[in-house]
């Protein structure tokens, strides 16, 4: 019978945990954030991150205006240095690079084209578009910091969820994100030994708490309390950790979203290895987005943080115990019936044989083989398709 145990041993955490990153899926979403963020977008704690985005909100205001009442002025030769005179405003408002693109999109003018025009001509085009704008109204997000900037301009029904609201929801379960609760910035995998070390100094190079003038992104793990679900071929425990990441943009650059999952390790460049049971929800910034965040997304995050891992463990156990193939003909038929080509079928079976020392028999064996082959697919669409089929197999067991 599959052994199930939730470990909670600080001494083991100090030594680190041996993990098998050849199982499960690889997720590069956090790594892409890690690679692209400059130092001023990296934060060492949730309190620092919250203070930054909350201060920004406190200096901002949002208004719904008649688009025809917005006046465009060209005060230099640079199109992006156009000034806007908004109703009720005492000073001109300067659009940011982002809001200039939004404004152009709202009035149906290509932003790239406008940026190539002389400022006066770009201003004439924008002014005409605003006067003829069908929706008649726009919603602005303005900030004052020495000068007044237009951070965002959207349709009147845009449902803004401020970045600090998401950070605050995470703080309720994760404290400062530095280890004062179960949830913290992740440790790092030592590739030379296969040991995952959960304790690592939080620096600008290791942090996974990010915010820019356009968005916020957070990734935290519960990696001091590994979950054992079965054994590896060498008899050592197959260990998992819980993790989640979430993101938002209060200026309309992206949706609000959250993803929860189980994983086996996080490497130095913040790729997630051995990911299982990946679940994601997104909320568009539509008219009722704030209500959906309050009643769906934030409670879902809390439920995951406080939930028992037993359903996940039992699902892994059931998939290990459900034998679906005992012969080569059974294995080939099982995979071909699910849309895998002959070459893919052979590769999946060979991969399991190489990694497990035997050919696949259970649902779990086939899932691990499929995800391992998927990782080697050069094209993302093909990789995601194989991973989706692997997840479908596990969902069938659940």
Protein backbone atom coordinates (compact mmCIF):
# COMPACT_ATOMS: atom_id res chain seq x y z
CA UNK A 1 0.00 0.00 0.00
CA UNK A 2 1.23 3.51 -0.79
CA UNK A 3 2.70 5.22 2.24
CA UNK A 4 1.25 8.63 3.05
CA UNK A 5 2.81 10.98 5.56
CA UNK A 6 2.91 14.71 6.16
CA UNK A 7 6.32 15.55 7.51
CA UNK A 8 6.99 18.40 9.93
CA UNK A 9 10.59 18.23 11.07
CA UNK A 10 12.79 21.35 11.27
CA UNK A 11 15.92 19.22 11.43
CA UNK A 12 15.06 17.65 8.06
CA UNK A 13 14.47 21.14 6.67
CA UNK A 14 17.98 22.18 7.75
CA UNK A 15 19.50 19.28 5.83
CA UNK A 16 17.18 19.71 2.87
CA UNK A 17 15.00 17.19 1.07
CA UNK A 18 15.92 14.80 -1.72
CA UNK A 19 13.44 15.21 -4.56
CA UNK A 20 12.88 13.67 -8.00
CA UNK A 21 12.36 16.53 -10.46
CA UNK A 22 12.07 14.12 -13.40
CA UNK A 23 8.46 13.52 -12.37
CA UNK A 24 5.57 15.88 -12.97
CA UNK A 25 5.60 18.99 -15.10
CA UNK A 26 7.95 21.94 -15.38
CA UNK A 27 6.40 25.39 -15.05
CA UNK A 28 8.43 28.42 -16.19
CA UNK A 29 5.94 31.19 -15.36
CA UNK A 30 7.75 32.33 -12.20
CA UNK A 31 11.11 32.04 -13.95
CA UNK A 32 10.01 34.39 -16.72
CA UNK A 33 9.07 36.95 -14.07
CA UNK A 34 12.39 36.43 -12.30
CA UNK A 35 14.38 37.00 -15.50
CA UNK A 36 12.52 40.15 -16.56
CA UNK A 37 12.28 42.14 -13.30
CA UNK A 38 14.79 44.93 -12.61
CA UNK A 39 15.95 45.52 -9.03
CA UNK A 40 13.44 48.26 -8.33
CA UNK A 41 10.58 45.81 -9.01
CA UNK A 42 11.82 43.20 -6.51
CA UNK A 43 10.71 43.22 -2.87
CA UNK A 44 12.06 41.31 0.12
CA UNK A 45 8.82 40.98 2.08
CA UNK A 46 5.08 41.30 1.66
CA UNK A 47 5.05 44.31 3.99
CA UNK A 48 7.51 46.17 1.76
CA UNK A 49 5.53 45.21 -1.33
CA UNK A 50 2.24 46.25 0.25
CA UNK A 51 3.63 49.60 1.40
CA UNK A 52 4.81 50.38 -2.12
CA UNK A 53 1.60 49.56 -3.96
CA UNK A 54 -0.65 51.00 -1.23
CA UNK A 55 1.24 54.31 -1.26
CA UNK A 56 0.76 54.41 -5.00
CA UNK A 57 -2.98 53.87 -4.60
CA UNK A 58 -3.22 56.55 -1.92
CA UNK A 59 -1.74 59.09 -4.34
CA UNK A 60 -4.12 58.07 -7.12
CA UNK A 61 -7.68 58.87 -7.99
CA UNK A 62 -10.08 57.40 -10.51
CA UNK A 63 -12.78 59.26 -12.41
CA UNK A 64 -15.33 58.62 -15.14
CA UNK A 65 -15.30 61.44 -17.70
CA UNK A 66 -16.99 62.37 -20.93
CA UNK A 67 -14.38 61.62 -23.59
CA UNK A 68 -15.37 64.68 -25.62
CA UNK A 69 -14.44 66.89 -22.65
CA UNK A 70 -10.80 65.80 -22.71
CA UNK A 71 -8.56 68.29 -24.47
CA UNK A 72 -5.26 67.28 -26.07
CA UNK A 73 -2.30 69.66 -26.16
CA UNK A 74 1.00 69.19 -27.97
CA UNK A 75 3.70 70.98 -25.97
CA UNK A 76 6.75 69.35 -27.57
CA UNK A 77 7.76 67.44 -30.67
CA UNK A 78 7.39 64.02 -28.97
CA UNK A 79 3.93 62.40 -29.43
CA UNK A 80 4.16 60.64 -26.07
CA UNK A 81 4.70 63.98 -24.35
CA UNK A 82 1.25 65.17 -25.25
CA UNK A 83 -0.64 66.74 -22.37
CA UNK A 84 -4.27 66.15 -21.53
CA UNK A 85 -6.55 68.72 -19.94
CA UNK A 86 -9.17 66.80 -17.97
CA UNK A 87 -12.44 68.29 -16.71
CA UNK A 88 -12.05 69.67 -13.20
CA UNK A 89 -8.27 69.42 -13.28
CA UNK A 90 -6.08 72.38 -12.46
CA UNK A 91 -2.96 71.11 -14.23
CA UNK A 92 -2.28 69.22 -17.46
CA UNK A 93 -2.00 65.44 -17.12
CA UNK A 94 0.87 63.55 -18.76
CA UNK A 95 0.03 60.10 -20.17
CA UNK A 96 2.49 57.32 -19.44
CA UNK A 97 3.71 55.05 -22.24
CA UNK A 98 1.10 52.52 -21.18
CA UNK A 99 -1.87 54.88 -20.91
CA UNK A 100 -0.95 56.54 -24.24
CA UNK A 101 -1.36 53.12 -25.86
CA UNK A 102 -4.65 52.56 -24.04
CA UNK A 103 -5.97 55.95 -25.09
CA UNK A 104 -5.05 55.32 -28.70
CA UNK A 105 -6.71 51.90 -28.58
CA UNK A 106 -9.93 53.32 -27.13
CA UNK A 107 -10.34 55.78 -29.99
CA UNK A 108 -9.29 53.27 -32.64
CA UNK A 109 -5.92 54.83 -33.51
CA UNK A 110 -2.83 52.59 -33.78
CA UNK A 111 -0.47 53.66 -30.99
CA UNK A 112 2.64 52.67 -32.95
CA UNK A 113 1.55 54.90 -35.84
CA UNK A 114 0.78 57.86 -33.58
CA UNK A 115 4.20 57.58 -31.94
CA UNK A 116 5.82 58.12 -35.34
CA UNK A 117 3.89 61.30 -36.10
CA UNK A 118 4.85 64.85 -35.12
CA UNK A 119 3.25 65.65 -31.77
CA UNK A 120 0.88 68.23 -33.20
CA UNK A 121 -0.46 65.79 -35.81
CA UNK A 122 -0.75 62.97 -33.24
CA UNK A 123 -2.67 65.35 -30.98
CA UNK A 124 -5.12 66.23 -33.77
CA UNK A 125 -5.79 62.52 -34.40
CA UNK A 126 -6.33 61.80 -30.71
CA UNK A 127 -8.58 64.81 -30.26
CA UNK A 128 -10.76 63.79 -33.17
CA UNK A 129 -10.97 60.23 -31.84
CA UNK A 130 -12.02 61.42 -28.39
CA UNK A 131 -14.68 63.72 -29.83
CA UNK A 132 -16.11 60.94 -31.97
CA UNK A 133 -15.68 58.18 -29.36
CA UNK A 134 -18.81 56.02 -29.46
CA UNK A 135 -18.75 54.98 -25.83
CA UNK A 136 -18.78 58.68 -24.89
CA UNK A 137 -17.16 58.01 -21.50
CA UNK A 138 -13.78 56.80 -20.24
CA UNK A 139 -12.47 55.90 -16.80
CA UNK A 140 -9.13 57.41 -15.79
CA UNK A 141 -6.59 56.51 -13.12
CA UNK A 142 -4.45 59.52 -12.27
CA UNK A 143 -1.52 59.80 -9.89
CA UNK A 144 0.23 62.84 -8.48
CA UNK A 145 3.92 62.60 -7.69
CA UNK A 146 5.47 65.94 -8.42
CA UNK A 147 3.41 66.07 -11.58
CA UNK A 148 0.06 64.54 -12.49
CA UNK A 149 0.30 61.41 -14.63
CA UNK A 150 -2.40 59.41 -16.35
CA UNK A 151 -1.59 55.81 -15.32
CA UNK A 152 -4.53 54.20 -17.10
CA UNK A 153 -7.53 55.02 -19.25
CA UNK A 154 -10.18 52.36 -19.79
CA UNK A 155 -13.82 51.94 -20.66
CA UNK A 156 -16.34 53.15 -18.09
CA UNK A 157 -17.26 49.60 -16.99
CA UNK A 158 -13.69 48.57 -16.18
CA UNK A 159 -13.76 46.83 -12.78
CA UNK A 160 -10.53 47.88 -11.11
CA UNK A 161 -9.00 45.65 -8.45
CA UNK A 162 -6.09 47.53 -6.89
CA UNK A 163 -2.79 45.72 -6.55
CA UNK A 164 -2.67 46.34 -2.80
CA UNK A 165 -5.99 44.48 -2.41
CA UNK A 166 -4.41 41.30 -3.79
CA UNK A 167 -1.28 41.71 -1.66
CA UNK A 168 -3.45 42.25 1.41
CA UNK A 169 -5.39 39.04 0.68
CA UNK A 170 -2.08 37.13 0.49
CA UNK A 171 -0.85 38.71 3.73
CA UNK A 172 -3.87 37.29 5.58
CA UNK A 173 -2.52 33.77 5.02
CA UNK A 174 1.19 34.38 4.53
CA UNK A 175 2.08 37.14 6.98
CA UNK A 176 5.25 38.77 5.75
CA UNK A 177 6.09 35.95 3.32
CA UNK A 178 9.48 35.45 4.98
CA UNK A 179 8.78 32.44 7.19
CA UNK A 180 6.61 33.90 9.94
CA UNK A 181 3.88 31.54 8.66
CA UNK A 182 4.01 28.30 6.68
CA UNK A 183 4.08 30.33 3.45
CA UNK A 184 7.35 31.91 2.35
CA UNK A 185 9.62 32.82 -0.52
CA UNK A 186 10.93 29.47 -1.82
CA UNK A 187 14.28 27.86 -1.24
CA UNK A 188 16.50 26.46 -3.99
CA UNK A 189 17.35 23.11 -5.58
CA UNK A 190 20.98 21.97 -5.58
CA UNK A 191 21.30 20.26 -8.94
CA UNK A 192 24.56 18.55 -8.02
CA UNK A 193 22.95 16.58 -5.19
CA UNK A 194 19.24 16.60 -6.02
CA UNK A 195 18.59 18.16 -2.60
CA UNK A 196 16.02 20.93 -2.24
CA UNK A 197 16.98 23.40 0.48
CA UNK A 198 13.95 25.34 1.77
CA UNK A 199 15.99 27.82 3.79
CA UNK A 200 17.63 30.51 1.68
CA UNK A 201 18.43 34.15 2.36
CA UNK A 202 15.83 36.40 0.75
CA UNK A 203 17.68 38.82 -1.51
CA UNK A 204 16.76 40.70 -4.64
CA UNK A 205 18.15 37.75 -6.57
CA UNK A 206 16.12 35.08 -4.76
CA UNK A 207 12.85 36.90 -4.03
CA UNK A 208 9.63 36.01 -5.81
CA UNK A 209 7.68 39.14 -4.80
CA UNK A 210 7.44 41.62 -7.68
CA UNK A 211 5.64 44.83 -8.60
CA UNK A 212 6.01 47.39 -11.37
CA UNK A 213 4.03 50.48 -12.30
CA UNK A 214 1.77 48.14 -14.29
CA UNK A 215 1.37 44.97 -12.23
CA UNK A 216 2.10 42.81 -9.21
CA UNK A 217 3.19 39.14 -9.08
CA UNK A 218 3.73 36.94 -6.00
CA UNK A 219 4.90 33.33 -5.61
CA UNK A 220 5.06 31.56 -2.24
CA UNK A 221 5.51 27.97 -1.08
CA UNK A 222 4.95 25.86 2.03
CA UNK A 223 8.32 24.15 1.69
CA UNK A 224 9.20 23.56 5.34
CA UNK A 225 6.47 20.92 5.57
CA UNK A 226 6.92 18.35 2.77
CA UNK A 227 4.20 15.89 1.89
CA UNK A 228 5.12 12.27 1.23
CA UNK A 229 2.96 10.41 -1.25
CA UNK A 230 4.50 7.07 -2.08
CA UNK A 231 8.03 5.95 -2.79
CA UNK A 232 10.55 6.42 -5.57
CA UNK A 233 12.06 3.38 -7.33
CA UNK A 234 15.05 3.48 -4.92
CA UNK A 235 12.71 3.33 -1.92
CA UNK A 236 13.14 6.97 -0.85
CA UNK A 237 10.02 9.08 -0.27
CA UNK A 238 8.42 10.99 -3.15
CA UNK A 239 8.12 14.47 -1.61
CA UNK A 240 5.88 17.37 -2.61
CA UNK A 241 5.36 20.92 -1.39
CA UNK A 242 2.36 23.19 -1.78
CA UNK A 243 2.72 26.41 -3.73
CA UNK A 244 0.74 29.20 -5.34
CA UNK A 245 1.31 32.31 -7.39
CA UNK A 246 -1.01 35.20 -8.17
CA UNK A 247 -0.96 38.32 -10.29
CA UNK A 248 -2.90 41.49 -11.04
CA UNK A 249 -2.75 44.75 -12.92
CA UNK A 250 -4.73 47.74 -11.71
CA UNK A 251 -4.03 49.58 -14.98
CA UNK A 252 -5.48 46.93 -17.30
CA UNK A 253 -2.26 45.26 -18.46
CA UNK A 254 -3.48 41.78 -17.46
CA UNK A 255 -6.25 39.94 -15.64
CA UNK A 256 -6.27 39.04 -11.98
CA UNK A 257 -5.37 35.41 -11.49
CA UNK A 258 -4.28 32.75 -9.04
CA UNK A 259 -2.74 29.33 -9.53
CA UNK A 260 -2.30 26.63 -6.89
CA UNK A 261 -0.37 23.39 -7.24
CA UNK A 262 1.93 20.84 -5.68
CA UNK A 263 5.59 20.83 -6.71
CA UNK A 264 8.79 19.03 -5.89
CA UNK A 265 11.38 21.81 -6.18
CA UNK A 266 12.22 25.36 -7.22
CA UNK A 267 15.60 25.93 -8.85
CA UNK A 268 17.84 28.99 -8.67
CA UNK A 269 16.30 30.68 -11.71
CA UNK A 270 12.85 30.01 -10.26
CA UNK A 271 11.61 27.29 -12.58
CA UNK A 272 9.08 25.04 -10.84
CA UNK A 273 9.86 21.33 -11.11
CA UNK A 274 7.71 18.27 -10.57
CA UNK A 275 4.43 20.20 -10.65
CA UNK A 276 1.22 18.24 -10.07
CA UNK A 277 -2.47 19.12 -9.69
CA UNK A 278 -2.14 22.59 -11.23
CA UNK A 279 -5.33 24.66 -10.81
CA UNK A 280 -5.83 28.20 -12.09
CA UNK A 281 -8.57 30.81 -11.93
CA UNK A 282 -8.64 34.20 -13.67
CA UNK A 283 -10.92 37.20 -13.29
CA UNK A 284 -11.25 39.77 -16.03
CA UNK A 285 -11.55 43.37 -14.90
CA UNK A 286 -15.16 43.59 -15.98
CA UNK A 287 -17.93 45.50 -14.25
CA UNK A 288 -18.29 43.08 -11.31
CA UNK A 289 -14.64 42.08 -10.97
CA UNK A 290 -14.24 43.54 -7.47
CA UNK A 291 -17.21 41.53 -6.22
CA UNK A 292 -15.88 38.33 -7.80
CA UNK A 293 -12.50 38.92 -6.19
CA UNK A 294 -14.09 39.35 -2.77
CA UNK A 295 -16.42 36.36 -3.08
CA UNK A 296 -14.44 33.92 -5.24
CA UNK A 297 -10.71 34.52 -5.65
CA UNK A 298 -9.68 35.63 -2.15
CA UNK A 299 -11.68 32.85 -0.41
CA UNK A 300 -10.28 30.28 -2.86
CA UNK A 301 -6.75 31.30 -1.91
CA UNK A 302 -7.57 30.99 1.78
CA UNK A 303 -9.20 27.58 1.26
CA UNK A 304 -6.12 26.26 -0.52
CA UNK A 305 -3.79 27.65 2.15
CA UNK A 306 -5.76 26.00 4.94
CA UNK A 307 -6.87 22.84 3.18
CA UNK A 308 -5.69 19.32 3.87
CA UNK A 309 -3.47 17.76 1.20
CA UNK A 310 -5.23 14.41 1.66
CA UNK A 311 -7.43 14.69 -1.49
CA UNK A 312 -4.28 15.24 -3.55
CA UNK A 313 -2.45 12.41 -1.80
CA UNK A 314 -5.40 10.05 -2.20
CA UNK A 315 -5.57 10.94 -5.89
CA UNK A 316 -1.89 10.06 -6.32
CA UNK A 317 -2.42 6.84 -4.39
CA UNK A 318 -5.43 5.86 -6.51
CA UNK A 319 -3.56 6.56 -9.74
CA UNK A 320 -0.67 4.35 -8.57
CA UNK A 321 -3.02 1.52 -7.70
CA UNK A 322 -5.18 1.62 -10.85
CA UNK A 323 -3.52 -0.86 -13.21
CA UNK A 324 -4.56 -0.30 -16.84
CA UNK A 325 -1.96 -2.27 -18.81
CA UNK A 326 -0.09 -5.51 -18.18
CA UNK A 327 1.25 -6.30 -21.66
CA UNK A 328 2.91 -4.39 -24.48
CA UNK A 329 -0.30 -4.63 -26.51
CA UNK A 330 -2.27 -3.16 -23.60
CA UNK A 331 0.19 -0.28 -23.25
CA UNK A 332 0.13 0.59 -26.93
CA UNK A 333 -3.65 0.35 -27.12
CA UNK A 334 -4.09 2.50 -24.00
CA UNK A 335 -1.97 5.32 -25.41
CA UNK A 336 -3.09 5.15 -29.03
CA UNK A 337 -6.73 5.27 -27.93
CA UNK A 338 -5.96 8.58 -26.24
CA UNK A 339 -4.55 10.19 -29.37
CA UNK A 340 -0.82 9.56 -29.03
CA UNK A 341 1.09 8.76 -32.20
CA UNK A 342 3.04 5.55 -32.59
CA UNK A 343 6.31 7.44 -32.07
CA UNK A 344 4.98 9.18 -28.96
CA UNK A 345 3.66 5.88 -27.61
CA UNK A 346 7.07 4.23 -27.94
CA UNK A 347 8.79 7.24 -26.40
CA UNK A 348 6.44 7.30 -23.39
CA UNK A 349 6.92 3.60 -22.68
CA UNK A 350 10.71 3.86 -23.10
CA UNK A 351 10.85 6.88 -20.77
CA UNK A 352 9.01 5.07 -17.98
CA UNK A 353 11.24 2.02 -18.44
CA UNK A 354 14.37 4.18 -18.18
CA UNK A 355 13.19 6.13 -15.14
CA UNK A 356 11.31 3.45 -13.19
CA UNK A 357 13.18 0.30 -14.25
CA UNK A 358 9.94 -1.24 -15.59
CA UNK A 359 7.32 -0.57 -18.22
CA UNK A 360 4.21 1.47 -17.33
CA UNK A 361 1.27 -0.33 -15.77
CA UNK A 362 -0.72 2.16 -13.68
CA UNK A 363 -2.37 5.47 -14.50
CA UNK A 364 0.38 7.16 -12.48
CA UNK A 365 3.08 5.47 -14.58
CA UNK A 366 1.53 6.68 -17.81
CA UNK A 367 0.99 10.22 -16.50
CA UNK A 368 4.63 10.49 -15.42
CA UNK A 369 5.79 9.17 -18.78
CA UNK A 370 3.57 11.56 -20.73
CA UNK A 371 4.68 14.62 -18.75
CA UNK A 372 8.34 13.64 -19.09
CA UNK A 373 8.00 13.38 -22.88
CA UNK A 374 6.02 16.62 -22.97
CA UNK A 375 8.93 18.49 -21.36
CA UNK A 376 11.08 17.66 -24.40
CA UNK A 377 8.58 18.99 -26.93
CA UNK A 378 10.16 21.99 -28.71
CA UNK A 379 6.84 23.73 -29.36
CA UNK A 380 4.74 25.06 -26.50
CA UNK A 381 1.38 24.11 -28.03
CA UNK A 382 2.42 20.47 -28.41
CA UNK A 383 3.80 20.43 -24.87
CA UNK A 384 0.65 21.92 -23.38
CA UNK A 385 -1.52 19.48 -25.33
CA UNK A 386 0.35 16.48 -23.91
CA UNK A 387 0.25 17.91 -20.38
CA UNK A 388 -3.50 18.46 -20.72
CA UNK A 389 -4.00 14.84 -21.72
CA UNK A 390 -1.93 13.71 -18.75
CA UNK A 391 -4.07 15.84 -16.42
CA UNK A 392 -7.21 14.37 -17.98
CA UNK A 393 -6.03 10.90 -17.00
CA UNK A 394 -5.54 11.96 -13.37
CA UNK A 395 -8.89 13.74 -13.36
CA UNK A 396 -10.52 10.50 -14.45
CA UNK A 397 -9.10 8.74 -11.41
CA UNK A 398 -10.20 11.56 -9.09
